[in-house]
């Protein structure tokens, strides 16, 4: 059980690192390695709690958009994670993404990498 949680935190941290590599001028991380770890924890918690609720709320939209609303769900979770890190750590460990379109692009990348990760499991 604890091993699965630690693996999930590590994989979420790696997903953020890959996103910063793919979007180097768009996604910036302040605080070093600790930020990646805190992001992995917060993103995992929000994915567990918030994602099922958002999936139910956006179900009609998912049918209309043929599944593209999943990007919106990932974007909302990414935004909530960013706000949570800013509130908890007062910008000491933070994620900086400028603009809505960049959030959508980062949400798309994180969602795609998480989808590939779930296929491998």
Protein backbone atom coordinates (compact mmCIF):
# COMPACT_ATOMS: atom_id res chain seq x y z
CA UNK A 1 0.00 0.00 0.00
CA UNK A 2 2.67 2.51 1.04
CA UNK A 3 4.83 1.36 -1.85
CA UNK A 4 2.03 2.22 -4.33
CA UNK A 5 1.64 5.67 -2.77
CA UNK A 6 5.37 6.36 -2.97
CA UNK A 7 5.49 5.18 -6.59
CA UNK A 8 2.53 7.44 -7.42
CA UNK A 9 4.25 10.44 -5.82
CA UNK A 10 7.46 9.70 -7.72
CA UNK A 11 5.63 9.27 -11.02
CA UNK A 12 3.65 12.50 -10.56
CA UNK A 13 6.93 14.29 -9.80
CA UNK A 14 8.46 12.85 -12.96
CA UNK A 15 5.40 13.90 -14.96
CA UNK A 16 5.89 17.50 -13.78
CA UNK A 17 9.58 17.35 -14.65
CA UNK A 18 8.75 16.06 -18.14
CA UNK A 19 6.22 18.87 -18.53
CA UNK A 20 8.87 21.46 -17.62
CA UNK A 21 11.20 19.88 -20.18
CA UNK A 22 8.55 19.84 -22.93
CA UNK A 23 7.38 23.42 -22.14
CA UNK A 24 10.58 25.08 -20.88
CA UNK A 25 9.47 28.73 -21.15
CA UNK A 26 5.88 28.06 -20.10
CA UNK A 27 6.09 25.93 -16.95
CA UNK A 28 8.56 27.08 -14.30
CA UNK A 29 9.19 25.48 -10.94
CA UNK A 30 10.50 27.44 -7.94
CA UNK A 31 12.05 25.58 -5.03
CA UNK A 32 13.98 22.76 -6.67
CA UNK A 33 13.45 19.05 -6.09
CA UNK A 34 11.21 19.64 -3.06
CA UNK A 35 8.67 21.34 -5.30
CA UNK A 36 8.48 18.26 -7.51
CA UNK A 37 7.90 16.06 -4.46
CA UNK A 38 5.26 18.38 -2.99
CA UNK A 39 3.60 18.59 -6.40
CA UNK A 40 3.55 14.79 -6.61
CA UNK A 41 1.86 14.56 -3.21
CA UNK A 42 -0.69 17.34 -3.85
CA UNK A 43 -1.47 16.23 -7.41
CA UNK A 44 -1.95 12.64 -6.24
CA UNK A 45 -4.33 13.70 -3.48
CA UNK A 46 -6.35 15.95 -5.79
CA UNK A 47 -6.41 13.26 -8.48
CA UNK A 48 -7.82 10.83 -5.95
CA UNK A 49 -10.43 13.15 -4.46
CA UNK A 50 -11.29 15.79 -7.05
CA UNK A 51 -10.96 13.92 -10.35
CA UNK A 52 -13.89 11.50 -9.82
CA UNK A 53 -16.14 14.41 -8.84
CA UNK A 54 -15.10 16.46 -11.87
CA UNK A 55 -15.50 13.42 -14.14
CA UNK A 56 -19.12 13.01 -13.01
CA UNK A 57 -19.84 16.74 -13.39
CA UNK A 58 -18.33 16.86 -16.90
CA UNK A 59 -19.87 13.59 -18.10
CA UNK A 60 -22.41 15.25 -20.43
CA UNK A 61 -19.65 17.48 -21.78
CA UNK A 62 -17.45 14.44 -22.31
CA UNK A 63 -20.09 12.89 -24.59
CA UNK A 64 -20.46 16.12 -26.55
CA UNK A 65 -16.71 16.61 -26.98
CA UNK A 66 -15.93 12.92 -27.53
CA UNK A 67 -13.69 12.83 -24.47
CA UNK A 68 -11.84 16.10 -24.97
CA UNK A 69 -13.22 17.46 -21.69
CA UNK A 70 -10.70 15.22 -19.90
CA UNK A 71 -8.13 17.90 -20.77
CA UNK A 72 -10.28 20.43 -18.94
CA UNK A 73 -10.45 18.18 -15.87
CA UNK A 74 -6.66 17.75 -15.84
CA UNK A 75 -6.25 21.52 -16.24
CA UNK A 76 -8.53 22.22 -13.26
CA UNK A 77 -6.61 19.72 -11.12
CA UNK A 78 -3.31 21.26 -12.21
CA UNK A 79 -4.61 24.75 -11.35
CA UNK A 80 -5.91 23.54 -7.96
CA UNK A 81 -2.54 21.93 -7.24
CA UNK A 82 -0.76 25.16 -8.10
CA UNK A 83 -3.06 27.22 -5.85
CA UNK A 84 -2.65 24.66 -3.05
CA UNK A 85 1.14 24.82 -3.23
CA UNK A 86 1.06 28.62 -3.17
CA UNK A 87 -1.25 28.67 -0.14
CA UNK A 88 0.63 26.00 1.81
CA UNK A 89 4.16 27.21 1.14
CA UNK A 90 3.66 30.95 0.50
CA UNK A 91 5.42 30.81 -2.89
CA UNK A 92 8.53 29.12 -1.47
CA UNK A 93 7.68 26.03 -3.51
CA UNK A 94 5.53 26.96 -6.46
CA UNK A 95 4.63 26.18 -10.00
CA UNK A 96 4.44 29.08 -12.43
CA UNK A 97 2.25 28.78 -15.53
CA UNK A 98 1.19 31.96 -17.32
CA UNK A 99 -2.11 32.09 -19.19
CA UNK A 100 -5.10 29.84 -19.67
CA UNK A 101 -3.86 28.37 -22.93
CA UNK A 102 -0.61 27.33 -21.26
CA UNK A 103 -2.58 25.66 -18.46
CA UNK A 104 -4.59 23.75 -21.07
CA UNK A 105 -1.41 22.71 -22.87
CA UNK A 106 0.24 21.61 -19.61
CA UNK A 107 -2.98 19.78 -18.64
CA UNK A 108 -2.93 18.01 -22.01
CA UNK A 109 0.68 16.94 -21.56
CA UNK A 110 0.18 15.79 -17.95
CA UNK A 111 -3.00 13.94 -18.91
CA UNK A 112 -1.28 12.23 -21.84
CA UNK A 113 1.70 11.15 -19.76
CA UNK A 114 -0.61 9.91 -16.97
CA UNK A 115 -2.65 7.99 -19.56
CA UNK A 116 0.53 6.31 -20.85
CA UNK A 117 1.58 5.62 -17.24
CA UNK A 118 -1.76 3.91 -16.56
CA UNK A 119 -1.42 1.80 -19.71
CA UNK A 120 1.96 0.53 -18.51
CA UNK A 121 0.69 -0.41 -15.00
